[in-house]
C-alpha atoms as a PDB file:
ATOM      1  CA  MET A   1     -35.056 -33.760 -53.629  1.00  0.00           C
ATOM      2  CA  ALA A   2     -33.866 -36.906 -52.050  1.00  0.00           C
ATOM      3  CA  PHE A   3     -35.016 -38.897 -48.733  1.00  0.00           C
ATOM      4  CA  VAL A   4     -32.205 -38.870 -45.699  1.00  0.00           C
ATOM      5  CA  VAL A   5     -31.854 -41.302 -42.655  1.00  0.00           C
ATOM      6  CA  ALA A   6     -31.381 -39.422 -39.671  1.00  0.00           C
ATOM      7  CA  ASP A   7     -30.800 -39.773 -35.475  1.00  0.00           C
ATOM      8  CA  ASP A   8     -33.726 -42.081 -34.852  1.00  0.00           C
ATOM      9  CA  CYS A   9     -32.044 -44.523 -36.591  1.00  0.00           C
ATOM     10  CA  ILE A  10     -28.748 -45.168 -34.601  1.00  0.00           C
ATOM     11  CA  LYS A  11     -28.370 -48.092 -32.415  1.00  0.00           C
ATOM     12  CA  CYS A  12     -31.966 -49.164 -34.058  1.00  0.00           C
ATOM     13  CA  LYS A  13     -31.331 -49.576 -37.186  1.00  0.00           C
ATOM     14  CA  TYR A  14     -34.534 -51.519 -38.520  1.00  0.00           C
ATOM     15  CA  MET A  15     -34.302 -52.597 -42.218  1.00  0.00           C
ATOM     16  CA  ASP A  16     -37.523 -52.688 -43.144  1.00  0.00           C
ATOM     17  CA  CYS A  17     -36.489 -49.838 -45.570  1.00  0.00           C
ATOM     18  CA  VAL A  18     -33.944 -51.881 -47.536  1.00  0.00           C
ATOM     19  CA  GLU A  19     -36.745 -54.707 -48.640  1.00  0.00           C
ATOM     20  CA  VAL A  20     -38.874 -52.182 -50.512  1.00  0.00           C
ATOM     21  CA  CYS A  21     -36.458 -49.748 -51.785  1.00  0.00           C
ATOM     22  CA  PRO A  22     -36.472 -50.061 -55.363  1.00  0.00           C
ATOM     23  CA  VAL A  23     -33.352 -48.969 -56.485  1.00  0.00           C
ATOM     24  CA  ASP A  24     -30.875 -50.276 -53.551  1.00  0.00           C
ATOM     25  CA  CYS A  25     -29.518 -46.998 -52.083  1.00  0.00           C
ATOM     26  CA  PHE A  26     -29.364 -47.717 -48.558  1.00  0.00           C
ATOM     27  CA  TYR A  27     -25.628 -48.183 -47.419  1.00  0.00           C
ATOM     28  CA  GLU A  28     -24.947 -49.647 -44.099  1.00  0.00           C
ATOM     29  CA  GLY A  29     -22.646 -48.291 -41.206  1.00  0.00           C
ATOM     30  CA  ALA A  30     -22.699 -50.346 -37.746  1.00  0.00           C
ATOM     31  CA  ASN A  31     -25.600 -48.768 -35.882  1.00  0.00           C
ATOM     32  CA  MET A  32     -27.455 -46.966 -38.607  1.00  0.00           C
ATOM     33  CA  LEU A  33     -28.524 -46.959 -42.418  1.00  0.00           C
ATOM     34  CA  VAL A  34     -28.035 -43.970 -44.890  1.00  0.00           C
ATOM     35  CA  ILE A  35     -29.489 -43.093 -48.099  1.00  0.00           C
ATOM     36  CA  HIS A  36     -27.433 -41.895 -51.187  1.00  0.00           C
ATOM     37  CA  PRO A  37     -28.896 -39.088 -52.310  1.00  0.00           C
ATOM     38  CA  ASP A  38     -27.652 -39.492 -55.905  1.00  0.00           C
ATOM     39  CA  GLU A  39     -29.634 -42.626 -55.798  1.00  0.00           C
ATOM     40  CA  CYS A  40     -32.346 -42.027 -54.408  1.00  0.00           C
ATOM     41  CA  ILE A  41     -35.363 -41.549 -56.445  1.00  0.00           C
ATOM     42  CA  ASP A  42     -37.604 -40.225 -54.473  1.00  0.00           C
ATOM     43  CA  CYS A  43     -40.502 -42.293 -54.474  1.00  0.00           C
ATOM     44  CA  GLY A  44     -41.279 -42.486 -50.428  1.00  0.00           C
ATOM     45  CA  VAL A  45     -41.952 -45.976 -50.231  1.00  0.00           C
ATOM     46  CA  CYS A  46     -39.652 -46.242 -47.457  1.00  0.00           C
ATOM     47  CA  GLU A  47     -40.621 -43.451 -45.248  1.00  0.00           C
ATOM     48  CA  PRO A  48     -43.658 -45.114 -44.246  1.00  0.00           C
ATOM     49  CA  GLU A  49     -41.674 -48.259 -43.287  1.00  0.00           C
ATOM     50  CA  CYS A  50     -39.414 -47.223 -41.269  1.00  0.00           C
ATOM     51  CA  PRO A  51     -40.489 -48.116 -37.490  1.00  0.00           C
ATOM     52  CA  ALA A  52     -38.256 -45.643 -35.947  1.00  0.00           C
ATOM     53  CA  ASP A  53     -39.644 -42.189 -38.172  1.00  0.00           C
ATOM     54  CA  ALA A  54     -36.150 -41.925 -38.600  1.00  0.00           C
ATOM     55  CA  ILE A  55     -36.746 -41.457 -42.551  1.00  0.00           C
ATOM     56  CA  LYS A  56     -37.006 -37.903 -43.579  1.00  0.00           C
ATOM     57  CA  PRO A  57     -37.470 -35.795 -47.236  1.00  0.00           C
ATOM     58  CA  ASP A  58     -34.775 -33.559 -47.312  1.00  0.00           C
ATOM     59  CA  THR A  59     -37.022 -30.462 -47.779  1.00  0.00           C
ATOM     60  CA  GLU A  60     -37.940 -30.976 -43.912  1.00  0.00           C
ATOM     61  CA  PRO A  61     -36.340 -28.202 -41.928  1.00  0.00           C
ATOM     62  CA  ASP A  62     -32.469 -28.328 -40.502  1.00  0.00           C
ATOM     63  CA  LEU A  63     -31.683 -31.828 -42.105  1.00  0.00           C
ATOM     64  CA  GLU A  64     -28.511 -30.086 -44.461  1.00  0.00           C
ATOM     65  CA  SER A  65     -26.502 -31.744 -41.799  1.00  0.00           C
ATOM     66  CA  TRP A  66     -28.106 -35.506 -42.349  1.00  0.00           C
ATOM     67  CA  LEU A  67     -28.107 -34.939 -46.098  1.00  0.00           C
ATOM     68  CA  LYS A  68     -24.616 -34.500 -46.351  1.00  0.00           C
ATOM     69  CA  LEU A  69     -23.708 -37.276 -43.358  1.00  0.00           C
ATOM     70  CA  ASN A  70     -25.669 -39.625 -46.209  1.00  0.00           C
ATOM     71  CA  ALA A  71     -24.017 -38.593 -48.707  1.00  0.00           C
ATOM     72  CA  ASP A  72     -20.447 -39.382 -47.018  1.00  0.00           C
ATOM     73  CA  TYR A  73     -21.187 -42.216 -45.769  1.00  0.00           C
ATOM     74  CA  ALA A  74     -22.686 -43.684 -48.915  1.00  0.00           C
ATOM     75  CA  GLN A  75     -19.434 -43.530 -50.376  1.00  0.00           C
ATOM     76  CA  ASN A  76     -17.820 -45.557 -48.060  1.00  0.00           C
ATOM     77  CA  TRP A  77     -20.164 -47.913 -46.422  1.00  0.00           C
ATOM     78  CA  PRO A  78     -21.494 -51.194 -47.947  1.00  0.00           C
ATOM     79  CA  ASN A  79     -25.178 -51.329 -49.796  1.00  0.00           C
ATOM     80  CA  VAL A  80     -27.480 -53.276 -48.181  1.00  0.00           C
ATOM     81  CA  THR A  81     -30.239 -54.734 -50.299  1.00  0.00           C
ATOM     82  CA  ILE A  82     -31.320 -57.568 -47.786  1.00  0.00           C
ATOM     83  CA  LYS A  83     -33.471 -56.796 -44.465  1.00  0.00           C
ATOM     84  CA  ARG A  84     -32.224 -58.444 -41.730  1.00  0.00           C
ATOM     85  CA  GLU A  85     -33.144 -58.214 -38.015  1.00  0.00           C
ATOM     86  CA  PRO A  86     -33.028 -54.882 -35.926  1.00  0.00           C
ATOM     87  CA  ALA A  87     -30.173 -54.230 -33.082  1.00  0.00           C
ATOM     88  CA  PRO A  88     -31.699 -56.176 -30.263  1.00  0.00           C
ATOM     89  CA  ASP A  89     -32.160 -53.252 -28.051  1.00  0.00           C
ATOM     90  CA  ALA A  90     -33.634 -51.378 -30.631  1.00  0.00           C
ATOM     91  CA  LYS A  91     -37.418 -50.640 -29.122  1.00  0.00           C
ATOM     92  CA  GLU A  92     -34.929 -49.220 -26.096  1.00  0.00           C
ATOM     93  CA  TRP A  93     -33.691 -46.913 -28.459  1.00  0.00           C
ATOM     94  CA  ASP A  94     -36.819 -46.386 -30.445  1.00  0.00           C
ATOM     95  CA  GLY A  95     -36.821 -42.513 -30.053  1.00  0.00           C
ATOM     96  CA  LYS A  96     -34.014 -41.684 -27.341  1.00  0.00           C
ATOM     97  CA  PRO A  97     -32.744 -37.872 -28.111  1.00  0.00           C
ATOM     98  CA  GLY A  98     -29.385 -36.968 -28.985  1.00  0.00           C
ATOM     99  CA  LYS A  99     -27.954 -40.627 -29.660  1.00  0.00           C
ATOM    100  CA  PHE A 100     -25.711 -38.912 -32.767  1.00  0.00           C
ATOM    101  CA  GLU A 101     -23.756 -37.339 -30.007  1.00  0.00           C
ATOM    102  CA  ALA A 102     -23.391 -40.087 -28.214  1.00  0.00           C
ATOM    103  CA  TYR A 103     -23.505 -43.118 -30.117  1.00  0.00           C
ATOM    104  CA  PHE A 104     -23.193 -42.484 -33.728  1.00  0.00           C
ATOM    105  CA  SER A 105     -20.440 -44.756 -35.068  1.00  0.00           C
ATOM    106  CA  PRO A 106     -18.353 -44.449 -38.267  1.00  0.00           C
ATOM    107  CA  GLU A 107     -17.489 -47.879 -38.828  1.00  0.00           C
ATOM    108  CA  ALA A 108     -18.955 -49.540 -41.843  1.00  0.00           C
ATOM    109  CA  GLY A 109     -21.721 -52.643 -41.611  1.00  0.00           C
ATOM    110  CA  GLU A 110     -21.754 -55.896 -42.974  1.00  0.00           C
ATOM    111  CA  GLY A 111     -23.711 -54.646 -46.492  1.00  0.00           C
ATOM    112  CA  ASP A 112     -24.970 -57.781 -48.378  1.00  0.00           C
END
């Protein structure tokens, strides 16, 4: 089992999860983070740290596409281990539905 980052991270990109991860398995896109499923040790410390409730265990239903997205983009995006400020308008985007279809960016983020 691993944890995955889902839709709620898009356009928020809170990074509280990054600073608590003991194995540095987060990777940064332009407007969201992903978890490398082969590096995640299923410790679960990241899940309660996410203010947007975007981190889920991959055992929850209907997360198969998110597990694939996390695995794919973790291969191409840079590793991030240092917490930075979230998007300036993160609170406005928190919880809005349909963010993937409208706002997902495949572009890489800064990384460390």
